[in-house]
Amino acid sequence: MFVCRLLGGDIALAFFILGAPASFILGCLADTDSFSRSSLFGYTVLIGEGACFCTYFTTTYLGLYITRALTGFSVGGALPLLSSVLSDWFRPEERSSVMASVGIGTGVGIALGQGISGFVGPLFGWRTPFLIVSVPALIVALLVLFTVVDPVRGGSETTFVRNDLQHLNDSSSHLIESIDEEESTSSSVNQISMVHVNQDMAIIENQNDATSISDDGIAHEIHSYKRGKLLRTCITLLKPSFYAQHWKTAKALFTSRTVLLTMIQGAPGCIPWGIINTFLNDYLSEDCGLSVQAATSFILLFGVGNFFGICIGGMGGDFLYKKNPRYPSLLSGTCALLGCFPMWMLINVAKVDGDRSLSKFIQLGVYSILAGVGSGVTGPIVKATLQNVTLPHARGQAFALLNTFDDFGRGLGPVFVAALIVKLGNRQKAFNIGVTGWLLCGLFNMVIYFTLEDDLERVRREFSETYSSLAQVDSDSM
């Protein structure tokens, strides 16, 4: 029991303790123009995977504790950086699919890690999987450092302004009036685009970065990290003004109703995941009379359904966004609500009671897949929505907060379910109550339908005002 607490509890806690502040700090750095986000991402992965590599050589519990904590730093800090960069590479109508691909990649990575651990570990020892996983990741991190170039911050927002105006102009007359005052939509979009070019070029000049123009007109930044860059970064992180500035950004984020809803919806949504990840396998085998192999198979089928759900969320979210930016929230909310019913069926009809027919197992398999589909749709749509209702210089912090909320929910989900089991004295009743977390999650997502239009308009207005003023400064200085 003591060993289980050390390895299963304390190590996992260390993973979160360092991962949460890393998410916030790197989210803040992602929102500043003083650092290359792509390079920060590369260094973050190097730290985490370097620690994973060093785990192979660890001989003490303290060493294991430190290396796992540093790996948590990488996992916590990667999402805000990645989300900030991806939102500048891809247009709003593409972001659901992009975030779905991130979710699929994460799922495939977890599956590969578990597979390598399960097959290689017993043959060559528990250390070897850390080596196998870390080496390719270290190579990828180095490739990111030396080949990936930061996109223009907010460079995809011109399409955001143009497309959302087309979708919302029928119901947003006040938005049309504000655009008319700025002469025309076309000139406003062109002005915003030119401001981003001017701002990005100024950043490049201030950092003494070299810029080369390829034949097709695409600018490639070549970042030169000089001696003392790391020192200046550390000094920046020690300045109270750095955190005061980003604290204001964090407070501004919470004035957006859509941002609040994207944060809140994840908390109840994590409760059913606590059932699935922690208790369901044992429940199916111990309480329902299934074999361990059969119970594991249904968990795997749930994972297959989750994969298809992520794909539906990505492609369906993009398709509906082109129809109307508010429609994806209806898809995510509806699927979360509908996902409750096959999950309830799986919990309540899984008892074999002597019936081990093929039709019984097919029935349970269908419930598992459908529950997985319902659970997978929400993630990519919520992340794309959060990108769309935040300004380019606030997305790092927005995703740091989302990551922290999700981590908090994932940690408390199993605790809440365990408390229900103790109180009710019955796992089936506790699970039935816990699944209602997806009902709340779905309702919060559907409410976004009513808040999204105002928040999109606010982002367009603030984006235009901020960069228009910068453009005026640039023109006056010329």
Protein backbone atom coordinates (compact mmCIF):
# COMPACT_ATOMS: atom_id res chain seq x y z
CA MET A 1 0.00 0.00 0.00
CA PHE A 2 2.86 2.39 0.85
CA VAL A 3 4.53 1.70 -2.51
CA CYS A 4 1.22 2.27 -4.33
CA ARG A 5 0.84 5.65 -2.63
CA LEU A 6 4.37 6.68 -3.56
CA LEU A 7 4.16 5.60 -7.20
CA GLY A 8 0.48 6.15 -7.94
CA GLY A 9 -0.32 9.13 -5.73
CA ASP A 10 2.76 11.21 -4.99
CA ILE A 11 4.28 10.89 -8.46
CA ALA A 12 0.98 11.87 -10.10
CA LEU A 13 0.71 14.83 -7.71
CA ALA A 14 4.21 16.00 -8.65
CA PHE A 15 3.20 15.75 -12.30
CA PHE A 16 0.31 18.18 -11.65
CA ILE A 17 2.07 20.50 -9.17
CA LEU A 18 4.69 21.51 -11.71
CA GLY A 19 2.42 21.20 -14.73
CA ALA A 20 -0.17 23.74 -13.51
CA PRO A 21 2.23 26.67 -12.92
CA ALA A 22 4.11 25.77 -16.10
CA SER A 23 0.85 26.08 -18.02
CA PHE A 24 0.27 29.58 -16.61
CA ILE A 25 3.85 30.85 -17.06
CA LEU A 26 4.22 29.56 -20.61
CA GLY A 27 0.72 30.77 -21.43
CA CYS A 28 1.80 34.27 -20.39
CA LEU A 29 5.02 34.00 -22.41
CA ALA A 30 2.99 32.86 -25.41
CA ASP A 31 1.04 36.11 -25.24
CA THR A 32 4.12 38.36 -25.39
CA ASP A 33 5.99 39.41 -28.50
CA SER A 34 9.40 39.11 -26.83
CA PHE A 35 9.67 35.36 -27.36
CA SER A 36 9.22 32.99 -30.26
CA ARG A 37 6.34 30.69 -29.41
CA SER A 38 7.64 27.94 -31.68
CA SER A 39 11.01 28.02 -29.94
CA LEU A 40 9.37 28.08 -26.51
CA PHE A 41 7.40 25.00 -27.54
CA GLY A 42 10.58 23.27 -28.69
CA TYR A 43 12.38 24.04 -25.43
CA THR A 44 9.35 22.93 -23.41
CA VAL A 45 9.28 19.57 -25.16
CA LEU A 46 13.05 19.24 -24.73
CA ILE A 47 12.71 19.74 -20.98
CA GLY A 48 9.93 17.18 -20.62
CA GLU A 49 11.36 14.57 -22.94
CA GLY A 50 14.86 15.14 -21.59
CA ALA A 51 13.47 14.30 -18.16
CA CYS A 52 11.75 11.25 -19.65
CA PHE A 53 15.08 10.18 -21.17
CA CYS A 54 16.84 10.64 -17.82
CA THR A 55 14.24 8.41 -16.15
CA TYR A 56 15.96 5.47 -17.82
CA PHE A 57 19.08 6.19 -15.73
CA THR A 58 17.27 6.97 -12.46
CA THR A 59 18.25 4.80 -9.50
CA THR A 60 16.49 6.59 -6.60
CA TYR A 61 12.93 7.55 -5.77
CA LEU A 62 13.95 11.22 -5.54
CA GLY A 63 15.38 11.04 -9.05
CA LEU A 64 12.17 9.43 -10.32
CA TYR A 65 10.09 12.09 -8.57
CA ILE A 66 12.08 14.94 -10.15
CA THR A 67 12.07 13.51 -13.66
CA ARG A 68 8.32 12.87 -13.61
CA ALA A 69 7.68 16.37 -12.26
CA LEU A 70 9.73 17.87 -15.10
CA THR A 71 7.75 15.79 -17.56
CA GLY A 72 4.63 17.35 -16.07
CA PHE A 73 6.16 20.76 -16.79
CA SER A 74 6.31 19.85 -20.46
CA VAL A 75 2.79 18.45 -20.63
CA GLY A 76 1.30 21.44 -18.80
CA GLY A 77 3.13 24.07 -20.81
CA ALA A 78 2.73 22.59 -24.29
CA LEU A 79 -1.02 23.14 -24.82
CA PRO A 80 -1.12 26.96 -24.38
CA LEU A 81 1.84 27.39 -26.73
CA LEU A 82 0.49 24.97 -29.30
CA SER A 83 -3.00 26.46 -29.26
CA SER A 84 -1.67 30.00 -29.61
CA VAL A 85 0.46 29.11 -32.64
CA LEU A 86 -2.20 26.98 -34.34
CA SER A 87 -4.79 29.75 -34.09
CA ASP A 88 -2.47 31.99 -36.13
CA TRP A 89 -1.80 29.32 -38.74
CA PHE A 90 -5.40 28.31 -39.37
CA ARG A 91 -8.59 30.22 -40.02
CA PRO A 92 -11.57 30.03 -37.65
CA GLU A 93 -13.50 27.68 -39.93
CA GLU A 94 -10.55 25.24 -39.84
CA ARG A 95 -9.80 25.28 -36.12
CA SER A 96 -12.18 22.53 -35.00
CA SER A 97 -10.46 20.05 -37.33
CA VAL A 98 -7.03 21.26 -36.25
CA MET A 99 -7.83 20.83 -32.55
CA ALA A 100 -9.38 17.44 -33.36
CA SER A 101 -6.08 16.38 -34.93
CA VAL A 102 -4.29 17.44 -31.74
CA GLY A 103 -6.72 15.34 -29.70
CA ILE A 104 -6.27 12.35 -31.99
CA GLY A 105 -2.50 12.70 -31.83
CA THR A 106 -2.64 12.81 -28.04
CA GLY A 107 -4.83 9.71 -27.94
CA VAL A 108 -2.58 7.81 -30.33
CA GLY A 109 0.46 8.81 -28.27
CA ILE A 110 -1.13 7.57 -25.06
CA ALA A 111 -2.11 4.30 -26.72
CA LEU A 112 1.41 3.80 -28.12
CA GLY A 113 2.94 4.58 -24.75
CA GLN A 114 0.71 2.08 -23.00
CA GLY A 115 1.38 -0.52 -25.69
CA ILE A 116 5.15 -0.07 -25.50
CA SER A 117 5.00 -0.22 -21.74
CA GLY A 118 2.87 -3.37 -21.77
CA PHE A 119 4.90 -5.30 -24.32
CA VAL A 120 8.45 -4.01 -23.89
CA GLY A 121 8.45 -3.46 -20.13
CA PRO A 122 8.02 -7.11 -19.11
CA LEU A 123 10.76 -8.17 -21.54
CA PHE A 124 13.42 -5.51 -21.02
CA GLY A 125 12.49 -3.83 -17.74
CA TRP A 126 10.35 -0.84 -16.79
CA ARG A 127 13.05 1.69 -17.76
CA THR A 128 13.28 0.78 -21.45
CA PRO A 129 9.91 2.26 -22.52
CA PHE A 130 11.04 5.68 -21.27
CA LEU A 131 14.04 5.46 -23.58
CA ILE A 132 12.02 4.30 -26.59
CA VAL A 133 9.44 7.07 -26.19
CA SER A 134 11.80 9.94 -25.39
CA VAL A 135 14.38 9.64 -28.17
CA PRO A 136 11.99 10.28 -31.11
CA ALA A 137 10.35 13.11 -29.16
CA LEU A 138 13.73 14.75 -28.53
CA ILE A 139 14.49 14.61 -32.26
CA VAL A 140 11.13 16.22 -33.06
CA ALA A 141 11.75 18.96 -30.47
CA LEU A 142 15.09 19.79 -32.11
CA LEU A 143 13.41 19.91 -35.52
CA VAL A 144 10.86 22.36 -34.11
CA LEU A 145 13.64 24.56 -32.74
CA PHE A 146 15.59 24.74 -35.98
CA THR A 147 12.90 24.59 -38.67
CA VAL A 148 9.54 25.90 -37.39
CA VAL A 149 8.88 29.61 -37.80
CA ASP A 150 6.35 31.61 -35.80
CA PRO A 151 3.32 32.69 -37.83
CA VAL A 152 2.24 36.32 -37.85
CA ARG A 153 0.32 36.85 -34.63
CA GLY A 154 -3.34 37.24 -35.52
CA GLY A 155 -2.52 36.66 -39.17
CA SER A 156 -5.61 34.51 -39.74
CA GLU A 157 -7.99 37.03 -38.14
CA THR A 158 -8.72 38.89 -41.37
CA THR A 159 -10.65 35.85 -42.52
CA PHE A 160 -12.24 35.69 -39.07
CA VAL A 161 -13.57 39.22 -39.47
CA ARG A 162 -14.73 38.72 -43.05
CA ASN A 163 -16.43 35.32 -42.64
CA ASP A 164 -18.14 36.08 -39.35
CA LEU A 165 -19.48 39.32 -40.76
CA GLN A 166 -21.00 37.37 -43.66
CA HIS A 167 -22.69 34.94 -41.23
CA LEU A 168 -23.95 37.50 -38.74
CA ASN A 169 -24.80 40.61 -40.76
CA ASP A 170 -28.46 39.61 -41.12
CA SER A 171 -29.00 39.63 -37.35
CA SER A 172 -26.38 42.19 -36.26
CA SER A 173 -27.35 45.57 -37.69
CA HIS A 174 -25.35 47.39 -35.02
CA LEU A 175 -22.23 45.56 -36.24
CA ILE A 176 -22.86 46.75 -39.81
CA GLU A 177 -23.22 50.33 -38.59
CA SER A 178 -19.90 50.20 -36.76
CA ILE A 179 -18.20 48.88 -39.88
CA ASP A 180 -19.82 51.55 -42.06
CA GLU A 181 -18.26 54.20 -39.84
CA GLU A 182 -14.85 52.77 -40.71
CA GLU A 183 -15.60 53.35 -44.46
CA SER A 184 -15.93 49.77 -45.70
CA THR A 185 -15.35 46.19 -44.70
CA SER A 186 -12.70 45.71 -47.35
CA SER A 187 -10.56 48.66 -46.30
CA SER A 188 -10.90 47.64 -42.63
CA VAL A 189 -9.71 44.11 -43.37
CA ASN A 190 -6.81 45.38 -45.49
CA GLN A 191 -5.81 47.79 -42.75
CA ILE A 192 -5.79 45.03 -40.15
CA SER A 193 -3.70 42.84 -42.43
CA MET A 194 -1.15 45.61 -43.00
CA VAL A 195 -0.94 46.33 -39.28
CA HIS A 196 -0.05 42.69 -38.59
CA VAL A 197 2.70 42.83 -41.20
CA ASN A 198 4.07 46.06 -39.74
CA GLN A 199 3.85 44.78 -36.19
CA ASP A 200 5.48 41.48 -37.00
CA MET A 201 8.30 43.20 -38.92
CA ALA A 202 8.88 45.53 -35.96
CA ILE A 203 9.16 42.55 -33.64
CA ILE A 204 11.62 40.89 -35.98
CA GLU A 205 13.75 44.04 -36.17
CA ASN A 206 13.76 44.50 -32.40
CA GLN A 207 14.94 40.93 -31.91
CA ASN A 208 17.58 41.28 -34.66
CA ASP A 209 16.00 38.38 -36.50
CA ALA A 210 16.86 37.83 -40.12
CA THR A 211 14.06 37.61 -42.67
CA SER A 212 14.23 36.06 -46.10
CA ILE A 213 11.53 36.15 -48.79
CA SER A 214 10.96 33.06 -50.89
CA ASP A 215 9.88 33.15 -54.53
CA ASP A 216 6.23 32.68 -53.65
CA GLY A 217 6.30 35.72 -51.38
CA ILE A 218 6.14 33.93 -48.02
CA ALA A 219 8.33 35.49 -45.34
CA HIS A 220 10.47 33.05 -43.36
CA GLU A 221 11.81 34.31 -40.07
CA ILE A 222 15.20 32.96 -39.05
CA HIS A 223 15.48 33.41 -35.30
CA SER A 224 18.95 33.90 -33.89
CA TYR A 225 19.08 33.17 -30.18
CA LYS A 226 22.05 35.07 -28.83
CA ARG A 227 24.00 34.57 -25.69
CA GLY A 228 22.08 35.91 -22.71
CA LYS A 229 18.61 35.14 -24.11
CA LEU A 230 17.89 32.61 -21.39
CA LEU A 231 19.12 35.04 -18.74
CA ARG A 232 16.85 37.80 -20.02
CA THR A 233 13.93 35.37 -19.99
CA CYS A 234 14.60 34.49 -16.36
CA ILE A 235 14.85 38.19 -15.44
CA THR A 236 11.53 38.85 -17.18
CA LEU A 237 9.85 36.08 -15.20
CA LEU A 238 11.08 37.63 -11.94
CA LYS A 239 9.53 41.03 -12.63
CA PRO A 240 6.21 41.66 -10.82
CA SER A 241 5.10 43.87 -13.71
CA PHE A 242 5.14 40.83 -16.02
CA TYR A 243 2.56 39.04 -13.90
CA ALA A 244 0.55 42.20 -13.18
CA GLN A 245 0.06 42.73 -16.89
CA HIS A 246 -1.13 39.19 -17.46
CA TRP A 247 -3.33 39.24 -14.38
CA LYS A 248 -5.26 42.06 -16.07
CA THR A 249 -5.55 39.88 -19.17
CA ALA A 250 -6.87 36.99 -17.08
CA LYS A 251 -9.52 39.21 -15.49
CA ALA A 252 -10.52 40.50 -18.92
CA LEU A 253 -10.93 36.92 -20.15
CA PHE A 254 -13.47 36.20 -17.45
CA THR A 255 -15.63 39.12 -18.55
CA SER A 256 -16.49 37.06 -21.64
CA ARG A 257 -19.49 34.83 -21.02
CA THR A 258 -18.38 32.38 -23.70
CA VAL A 259 -14.92 32.04 -22.13
CA LEU A 260 -16.54 31.38 -18.75
CA LEU A 261 -18.81 28.72 -20.23
CA THR A 262 -15.92 26.94 -21.97
CA MET A 263 -14.12 26.79 -18.63
CA ILE A 264 -17.13 25.74 -16.55
CA GLN A 265 -18.41 23.03 -18.91
CA GLY A 266 -15.29 20.93 -18.38
CA ALA A 267 -15.77 20.52 -14.61
CA PRO A 268 -18.95 18.38 -14.64
CA GLY A 269 -17.79 16.78 -17.89
CA CYS A 270 -14.79 15.28 -16.08
CA ILE A 271 -16.95 13.33 -13.59
CA PRO A 272 -18.03 10.62 -16.07
CA TRP A 273 -14.42 10.40 -17.22
CA GLY A 274 -13.51 9.63 -13.62
CA ILE A 275 -15.92 6.68 -13.81
CA ILE A 276 -14.53 5.46 -17.14
CA ASN A 277 -10.83 5.82 -16.39
CA THR A 278 -10.83 4.69 -12.77
CA PHE A 279 -13.78 2.43 -12.02
CA LEU A 280 -15.57 1.12 -15.12
CA ASN A 281 -13.26 -1.76 -15.99
CA ASP A 282 -13.39 -3.14 -12.47
CA TYR A 283 -17.17 -2.55 -12.26
CA LEU A 284 -17.83 -4.52 -15.45
CA SER A 285 -15.71 -7.44 -14.31
CA GLU A 286 -16.50 -7.55 -10.57
CA ASP A 287 -20.10 -6.32 -10.35
CA CYS A 288 -21.45 -7.35 -13.75
CA GLY A 289 -19.85 -10.77 -14.08
CA LEU A 290 -17.86 -10.11 -17.24
CA SER A 291 -14.39 -11.52 -17.68
CA VAL A 292 -11.48 -9.11 -17.38
CA GLN A 293 -10.80 -9.55 -21.09
CA ALA A 294 -14.40 -8.75 -22.02
CA ALA A 295 -14.49 -5.71 -19.73
CA THR A 296 -11.24 -4.44 -21.24
CA SER A 297 -12.64 -4.98 -24.74
CA PHE A 298 -15.63 -2.74 -23.99
CA ILE A 299 -13.30 -0.03 -22.67
CA LEU A 300 -11.33 -0.30 -25.91
CA LEU A 301 -14.54 -0.03 -27.93
CA PHE A 302 -15.38 3.10 -25.96
CA GLY A 303 -11.99 4.46 -27.05
CA VAL A 304 -12.78 3.62 -30.68
CA GLY A 305 -16.04 5.53 -30.38
CA ASN A 306 -14.23 8.45 -28.77
CA PHE A 307 -11.88 8.57 -31.77
CA PHE A 308 -14.82 8.83 -34.16
CA GLY A 309 -16.42 11.42 -31.89
CA ILE A 310 -13.32 13.59 -32.09
CA CYS A 311 -13.38 13.30 -35.88
CA ILE A 312 -17.07 14.26 -35.95
CA GLY A 313 -16.39 17.21 -33.68
CA GLY A 314 -13.54 18.41 -35.87
CA MET A 315 -15.12 18.02 -39.32
CA GLY A 316 -18.67 18.75 -38.17
CA GLY A 317 -17.58 21.81 -36.23
CA ASP A 318 -15.84 23.28 -39.28
CA PHE A 319 -18.77 22.49 -41.57
CA LEU A 320 -21.31 24.09 -39.24
CA TYR A 321 -19.09 27.10 -38.56
CA LYS A 322 -19.22 27.95 -42.26
CA LYS A 323 -23.02 27.90 -42.02
CA ASN A 324 -23.16 29.95 -38.83
CA PRO A 325 -20.48 30.38 -36.11
CA ARG A 326 -23.03 29.53 -33.42
CA TYR A 327 -24.03 26.12 -34.79
CA PRO A 328 -20.97 24.10 -33.57
CA SER A 329 -21.99 24.72 -29.96
CA LEU A 330 -25.32 23.03 -30.67
CA LEU A 331 -23.50 19.99 -32.07
CA SER A 332 -21.17 19.69 -29.07
CA GLY A 333 -23.98 20.23 -26.57
CA THR A 334 -26.35 17.78 -28.25
CA CYS A 335 -23.74 15.03 -28.51
CA ALA A 336 -22.76 15.44 -24.85
CA LEU A 337 -26.42 15.11 -23.85
CA LEU A 338 -27.04 12.11 -26.11
CA GLY A 339 -23.85 10.41 -24.91
CA CYS A 340 -25.39 10.01 -21.47
CA PHE A 341 -28.00 7.49 -22.62
CA PRO A 342 -25.75 4.75 -24.05
CA MET A 343 -23.50 5.24 -21.02
CA TRP A 344 -26.46 4.68 -18.69
CA MET A 345 -27.44 1.61 -20.70
CA LEU A 346 -23.92 0.20 -20.46
CA ILE A 347 -23.92 0.67 -16.68
CA ASN A 348 -27.40 -0.74 -16.07
CA VAL A 349 -27.70 -3.65 -18.50
CA ALA A 350 -24.11 -4.92 -18.41
CA LYS A 351 -24.87 -7.60 -15.81
CA VAL A 352 -24.56 -10.96 -17.49
CA ASP A 353 -26.93 -12.92 -15.19
CA GLY A 354 -26.16 -16.09 -17.11
CA ASP A 355 -26.73 -14.48 -20.52
CA ARG A 356 -23.41 -14.81 -22.36
CA SER A 357 -24.89 -14.84 -25.85
CA LEU A 358 -23.29 -13.07 -28.79
CA SER A 359 -26.24 -10.68 -29.06
CA LYS A 360 -25.65 -9.58 -25.46
CA PHE A 361 -22.02 -8.72 -26.15
CA ILE A 362 -22.90 -6.97 -29.41
CA GLN A 363 -25.46 -4.89 -27.52
CA LEU A 364 -22.90 -3.84 -24.90
CA GLY A 365 -20.35 -3.13 -27.63
CA VAL A 366 -22.77 -0.80 -29.41
CA TYR A 367 -23.47 1.05 -26.15
CA SER A 368 -19.74 1.42 -25.55
CA ILE A 369 -19.07 2.84 -29.02
CA LEU A 370 -22.03 5.26 -28.90
CA ALA A 371 -21.02 6.52 -25.45
CA GLY A 372 -17.50 7.08 -26.77
CA VAL A 373 -18.78 9.02 -29.78
CA GLY A 374 -20.84 11.32 -27.56
CA SER A 375 -17.87 11.98 -25.30
CA GLY A 376 -15.47 12.88 -28.11
CA VAL A 377 -17.34 15.58 -30.03
CA THR A 378 -17.14 18.35 -27.43
CA GLY A 379 -13.36 18.71 -27.04
CA PRO A 380 -12.28 20.06 -30.46
CA ILE A 381 -15.30 22.36 -30.73
CA VAL A 382 -14.76 23.87 -27.28
CA LYS A 383 -11.07 24.53 -28.00
CA ALA A 384 -11.83 26.09 -31.39
CA THR A 385 -14.52 28.26 -29.78
CA LEU A 386 -12.08 29.46 -27.14
CA GLN A 387 -9.62 30.45 -29.87
CA ASN A 388 -12.30 32.37 -31.71
CA VAL A 389 -13.52 34.45 -28.75
CA THR A 390 -10.09 35.51 -27.49
CA LEU A 391 -7.63 38.04 -28.88
CA PRO A 392 -4.31 36.80 -30.30
CA HIS A 393 -2.37 38.19 -27.33
CA ALA A 394 -4.61 36.43 -24.79
CA ARG A 395 -4.93 32.90 -26.19
CA GLY A 396 -1.95 31.49 -24.35
CA GLN A 397 -3.45 32.45 -21.01
CA ALA A 398 -6.92 31.34 -22.08
CA PHE A 399 -5.67 27.83 -22.80
CA ALA A 400 -3.55 27.83 -19.66
CA LEU A 401 -6.74 28.45 -17.68
CA LEU A 402 -8.62 25.80 -19.65
CA ASN A 403 -5.80 23.32 -19.04
CA THR A 404 -5.83 24.11 -15.32
CA PHE A 405 -9.62 23.70 -15.08
CA ASP A 406 -9.42 20.37 -16.90
CA ASP A 407 -6.58 19.13 -14.69
CA PHE A 408 -8.55 20.17 -11.63
CA GLY A 409 -11.61 18.34 -12.91
CA ARG A 410 -9.66 15.23 -13.86
CA GLY A 411 -8.21 15.15 -10.36
CA LEU A 412 -11.51 15.69 -8.54
CA GLY A 413 -13.65 13.51 -10.83
CA PRO A 414 -12.55 10.18 -9.33
CA VAL A 415 -12.67 11.68 -5.82
CA PHE A 416 -16.27 12.82 -6.34
CA VAL A 417 -17.30 9.42 -7.73
CA ALA A 418 -15.58 7.62 -4.85
CA ALA A 419 -17.46 9.81 -2.35
CA LEU A 420 -20.75 8.95 -4.09
CA ILE A 421 -19.96 5.25 -3.87
CA VAL A 422 -19.27 5.52 -0.14
CA LYS A 423 -22.42 7.57 0.48
CA LEU A 424 -24.77 5.40 -1.57
CA GLY A 425 -23.06 2.10 -0.86
CA ASN A 426 -23.65 1.02 -4.44
CA ARG A 427 -21.46 1.62 -7.48
CA GLN A 428 -24.30 1.35 -9.97
CA LYS A 429 -26.31 4.13 -8.32
CA ALA A 430 -23.21 6.30 -7.94
CA PHE A 431 -22.30 5.88 -11.60
CA ASN A 432 -25.84 6.75 -12.72
CA ILE A 433 -25.59 10.03 -10.82
CA GLY A 434 -22.04 10.69 -12.01
CA VAL A 435 -23.00 10.36 -15.69
CA THR A 436 -25.31 13.37 -15.29
CA GLY A 437 -22.11 15.43 -15.43
CA TRP A 438 -22.34 15.10 -19.21
CA LEU A 439 -25.88 16.51 -19.05
CA LEU A 440 -24.56 19.65 -17.39
CA CYS A 441 -21.62 19.76 -19.79
CA GLY A 442 -24.00 19.55 -22.76
CA LEU A 443 -26.28 22.26 -21.37
CA PHE A 444 -23.37 24.66 -20.81
CA ASN A 445 -22.21 24.03 -24.39
CA MET A 446 -25.68 24.75 -25.76
CA VAL A 447 -25.87 28.02 -23.82
CA ILE A 448 -22.79 29.15 -25.78
CA TYR A 449 -25.14 29.41 -28.78
CA PHE A 450 -26.72 32.46 -27.08
CA THR A 451 -23.50 34.14 -25.95
CA LEU A 452 -21.19 33.55 -28.90
CA GLU A 453 -22.46 36.26 -31.25
CA ASP A 454 -21.86 39.10 -28.77
CA ASP A 455 -18.42 37.81 -27.85
CA LEU A 456 -17.39 37.39 -31.48
CA GLU A 457 -18.48 40.96 -32.13
CA ARG A 458 -16.53 42.18 -29.11
CA VAL A 459 -13.38 40.42 -30.29
CA ARG A 460 -13.74 41.86 -33.80
CA ARG A 461 -14.23 45.35 -32.40
CA GLU A 462 -11.30 45.17 -29.96
CA PHE A 463 -9.10 43.57 -32.59
CA SER A 464 -9.88 46.28 -35.13
CA GLU A 465 -9.48 49.13 -32.64
CA THR A 466 -6.19 47.89 -31.25
CA TYR A 467 -4.50 47.29 -34.54
CA SER A 468 -6.00 50.32 -36.22
CA SER A 469 -4.37 52.54 -33.59
CA LEU A 470 -1.05 50.81 -34.16
CA ALA A 471 -1.41 51.35 -37.88
CA GLN A 472 -1.94 55.08 -37.32
CA VAL A 473 1.23 55.22 -35.22
CA ASP A 474 3.17 53.43 -37.95
CA SER A 475 1.89 55.79 -40.65
CA ASP A 476 2.72 58.86 -38.56
CA SER A 477 6.29 57.68 -37.99
CA MET A 478 6.98 57.15 -41.69
